[in-house]
Amino acid sequence: MLVHCTTLGATPHMSNIHNSFAVQPTHPIEHVWDWVATCSDRNGRIKNLLIACHGGYTELDNVPGLSGGFGIHLGTGLHKKNVHLTRKLLGKVSNIYMIVCGGSKQFLTL
């Protein structure tokens, strides 16, 4: 399954992906996870979920240039204050692969 933001500029093409969701910037992240969970409920556990989107960057006071680590821009965004919403996918998705530049400075564990 592929979930990708529409702001990438080009739609990722994967011939072996059976289901995909093009996420608009206005889609609440809760809606994205609900959609994935519903697909799992209808079709069984999802083996691989591929997420493709931009990461969150900002300027920090003591760091030259932009610094990543401020979440991902999938729908209305996923960041440390709402990462708990991802628990909706527990037991429904086996593997999550993310193609995101600067989405996190460290690995998050659910």
Protein backbone atom coordinates (compact mmCIF):
# COMPACT_ATOMS: atom_id res chain seq x y z
CA MET A 1 0.00 0.00 0.00
CA LEU A 2 1.25 3.49 -0.86
CA VAL A 3 0.24 6.66 0.99
CA HIS A 4 1.76 9.83 -0.48
CA CYS A 5 1.27 13.58 -0.29
CA THR A 6 0.11 15.41 -3.40
CA THR A 7 2.75 18.12 -2.86
CA LEU A 8 5.58 15.85 -4.04
CA GLY A 9 5.11 17.23 -7.53
CA ALA A 10 5.01 13.82 -9.18
CA THR A 11 2.90 10.84 -8.24
CA PRO A 12 5.10 7.93 -7.20
CA HIS A 13 4.53 5.01 -9.55
CA MET A 14 4.84 1.51 -8.21
CA SER A 15 3.47 -1.19 -10.48
CA ASN A 16 3.34 -3.74 -7.66
CA ILE A 17 1.35 -1.49 -5.27
CA HIS A 18 -2.26 -2.66 -5.16
CA ASN A 19 -3.73 0.27 -3.26
CA SER A 20 -2.73 3.91 -2.92
CA PHE A 21 -3.99 7.10 -1.33
CA ALA A 22 -3.02 10.56 -2.60
CA VAL A 23 -3.21 12.70 0.54
CA GLN A 24 -4.15 16.37 0.18
CA PRO A 25 -2.53 18.86 2.61
CA THR A 26 -5.97 19.50 4.13
CA HIS A 27 -6.61 15.84 5.04
CA PRO A 28 -6.42 15.38 8.81
CA ILE A 29 -3.77 12.81 9.73
CA GLU A 30 -6.47 10.92 11.65
CA HIS A 31 -8.36 10.45 8.37
CA VAL A 32 -5.23 9.03 6.70
CA TRP A 33 -4.73 6.43 9.47
CA ASP A 34 -8.46 5.62 9.51
CA TRP A 35 -8.31 4.93 5.76
CA VAL A 36 -5.31 2.60 6.17
CA ALA A 37 -6.98 0.81 9.09
CA THR A 38 -10.23 0.40 7.11
CA CYS A 39 -8.31 -1.10 4.17
CA SER A 40 -6.74 -3.56 6.59
CA ASP A 41 -10.13 -4.41 8.10
CA ARG A 42 -11.55 -5.14 4.64
CA ASN A 43 -8.57 -6.94 3.08
CA GLY A 44 -6.56 -8.34 5.96
CA ARG A 45 -3.31 -7.22 7.54
CA ILE A 46 -1.23 -4.93 5.31
CA LYS A 47 2.24 -6.39 4.83
CA ASN A 48 4.00 -3.19 3.69
CA LEU A 49 2.89 0.43 4.00
CA LEU A 50 5.01 2.90 2.04
CA ILE A 51 4.72 6.56 3.03
CA ALA A 52 6.18 9.21 0.71
CA CYS A 53 6.07 12.89 1.67
CA HIS A 54 8.10 15.92 2.69
CA GLY A 55 9.64 16.35 6.13
CA GLY A 56 9.32 19.35 8.42
CA TYR A 57 12.24 21.78 8.43
CA THR A 58 12.82 24.99 10.37
CA GLU A 59 15.59 27.42 11.26
CA LEU A 60 17.13 26.98 14.70
CA ASP A 61 18.84 29.80 16.60
CA ASN A 62 22.28 28.20 16.91
CA VAL A 63 22.31 26.09 13.73
CA PRO A 64 23.11 27.55 10.30
CA GLY A 65 20.64 26.67 7.57
CA LEU A 66 17.52 24.57 7.94
CA SER A 67 17.21 21.68 10.36
CA GLY A 68 14.94 18.66 9.90
CA GLY A 69 13.25 16.73 12.64
CA PHE A 70 9.94 18.53 12.82
CA GLY A 71 7.60 15.79 11.68
CA ILE A 72 6.27 14.88 8.27
CA HIS A 73 3.97 16.77 5.95
CA LEU A 74 1.41 14.08 5.28
CA GLY A 75 -2.02 15.66 5.31
CA THR A 76 -2.20 18.10 8.21
CA GLY A 77 1.06 16.63 9.53
CA LEU A 78 2.49 14.03 11.85
CA HIS A 79 4.74 15.25 14.65
CA LYS A 80 5.65 14.38 18.21
CA LYS A 81 2.44 15.90 19.61
CA ASN A 82 0.18 13.60 17.56
CA VAL A 83 2.34 10.55 16.79
CA HIS A 84 0.17 8.60 19.24
CA LEU A 85 -2.57 8.57 16.58
CA THR A 86 -0.45 6.10 14.64
CA ARG A 87 -1.44 3.44 17.20
CA LYS A 88 -4.55 2.90 15.06
CA LEU A 89 -2.26 0.86 12.80
CA LEU A 90 -1.10 -1.58 15.49
CA GLY A 91 -2.02 -5.10 14.45
CA LYS A 92 -3.11 -3.85 11.02
CA VAL A 93 0.25 -3.14 9.33
CA SER A 94 3.35 -5.33 9.51
CA ASN A 95 5.98 -2.94 8.10
CA ILE A 96 6.05 0.82 7.55
CA TYR A 97 8.62 2.29 5.15
CA MET A 98 8.99 6.05 4.96
CA ILE A 99 10.55 8.05 2.15
CA VAL A 100 10.82 11.40 3.88
CA CYS A 101 13.65 13.93 3.91
CA GLY A 102 14.24 15.41 7.37
CA GLY A 103 11.18 13.91 9.03
CA SER A 104 12.92 13.09 12.29
CA LYS A 105 16.23 13.50 14.07
CA GLN A 106 15.74 10.18 15.85
CA PHE A 107 13.74 7.00 15.50
CA LEU A 108 10.34 6.95 17.18
CA THR A 109 9.05 3.82 18.86
CA LEU A 110 5.32 3.25 19.29
